[in-house]
Amino acid sequence: MERDDQLELYGLVADRLKDAHTRVRTLQVPEGVRMALTRKLLVITAAAKHDLADAARRLEWFMEDLDEGRYPEDVRADGSP
């Protein structure tokens, strides 16, 4: 049963990551902000390989920030702070 739950969580996280990447790609924000958001998503994706539950929590927080319009500030065009 635990394996089924794990597979279900993998599927949920994968779907949410895909949605998050699509949302970031279509945001009307400066390119540096988009790059910073994309880097955050890549970190969450990498974390999912080691701690799926933590990655799911981090992704939830990321999506809440997107929903609330909270984006990285003071980011240069090259994406560096």
Protein backbone atom coordinates (compact mmCIF):
# COMPACT_ATOMS: atom_id res chain seq x y z
CA MET A 1 0.00 0.00 0.00
CA GLU A 2 2.83 2.43 0.85
CA ARG A 3 4.34 1.95 -2.61
CA ASP A 4 1.01 2.89 -4.21
CA ASP A 5 0.89 6.05 -2.09
CA GLN A 6 4.45 6.91 -3.12
CA LEU A 7 3.63 6.42 -6.80
CA GLU A 8 0.53 8.56 -6.43
CA LEU A 9 2.59 11.33 -4.80
CA TYR A 10 5.18 11.11 -7.61
CA GLY A 11 2.39 11.55 -10.15
CA LEU A 12 0.93 14.49 -8.27
CA VAL A 13 4.29 16.23 -7.91
CA ALA A 14 5.14 15.60 -11.56
CA ASP A 15 1.82 17.10 -12.69
CA ARG A 16 2.25 20.11 -10.40
CA LEU A 17 5.82 20.68 -11.61
CA LYS A 18 4.63 20.63 -15.20
CA ASP A 19 1.91 23.15 -14.34
CA ALA A 20 4.39 25.34 -12.47
CA HIS A 21 6.83 25.38 -15.39
CA THR A 22 4.01 26.31 -17.77
CA ARG A 23 2.87 29.13 -15.50
CA VAL A 24 6.39 30.51 -15.12
CA ARG A 25 6.98 30.34 -18.86
CA THR A 26 3.84 32.41 -19.56
CA LEU A 27 4.31 35.04 -16.84
CA GLN A 28 4.63 38.63 -17.99
CA VAL A 29 7.73 39.40 -15.90
CA PRO A 30 11.30 40.50 -16.66
CA GLU A 31 13.52 37.72 -17.97
CA GLY A 32 15.69 37.80 -14.84
CA VAL A 33 12.66 37.09 -12.66
CA ARG A 34 11.60 34.25 -14.95
CA MET A 35 15.09 32.76 -14.75
CA ALA A 36 15.11 32.98 -10.93
CA LEU A 37 11.71 31.25 -10.76
CA THR A 38 12.88 28.56 -13.17
CA ARG A 39 15.96 27.93 -11.02
CA LYS A 40 13.71 27.49 -7.98
CA LEU A 41 11.68 24.93 -9.90
CA LEU A 42 14.84 23.07 -10.91
CA VAL A 43 15.90 22.92 -7.25
CA ILE A 44 12.50 21.52 -6.30
CA THR A 45 12.74 18.99 -9.14
CA ALA A 46 16.17 17.85 -7.93
CA ALA A 47 14.89 17.63 -4.34
CA ALA A 48 12.09 15.32 -5.48
CA LYS A 49 14.71 12.69 -6.31
CA HIS A 50 15.85 12.56 -2.68
CA ASP A 51 12.89 13.64 -0.54
CA LEU A 52 9.59 13.58 -2.34
CA ALA A 53 7.51 14.80 0.60
CA ASP A 54 9.79 17.83 1.12
CA ALA A 55 9.71 18.61 -2.60
CA ALA A 56 5.91 18.47 -2.54
CA ARG A 57 5.82 20.96 0.35
CA ARG A 58 8.31 23.27 -1.36
CA LEU A 59 6.33 23.10 -4.58
CA GLU A 60 3.14 23.97 -2.71
CA TRP A 61 4.83 27.05 -1.22
CA PHE A 62 6.17 27.99 -4.65
CA MET A 63 2.70 27.75 -6.19
CA GLU A 64 1.22 29.83 -3.36
CA ASP A 65 3.84 32.51 -4.05
CA LEU A 66 2.92 32.47 -7.75
CA ASP A 67 -0.79 32.71 -6.91
CA GLU A 68 -0.13 35.68 -4.62
CA GLY A 69 2.16 37.40 -7.14
CA ARG A 70 5.22 37.09 -4.89
CA TYR A 71 8.21 36.98 -7.23
CA PRO A 72 11.94 37.48 -6.62
CA GLU A 73 12.87 41.15 -6.55
CA ASP A 74 16.01 43.00 -7.61
CA VAL A 75 17.00 40.36 -10.14
CA ARG A 76 19.22 41.42 -13.04
CA ALA A 77 18.52 40.40 -16.61
CA ASP A 78 21.03 37.56 -16.30
CA GLY A 79 19.06 36.15 -13.36
CA SER A 80 21.64 36.91 -10.67
CA PRO A 81 20.59 38.74 -7.48
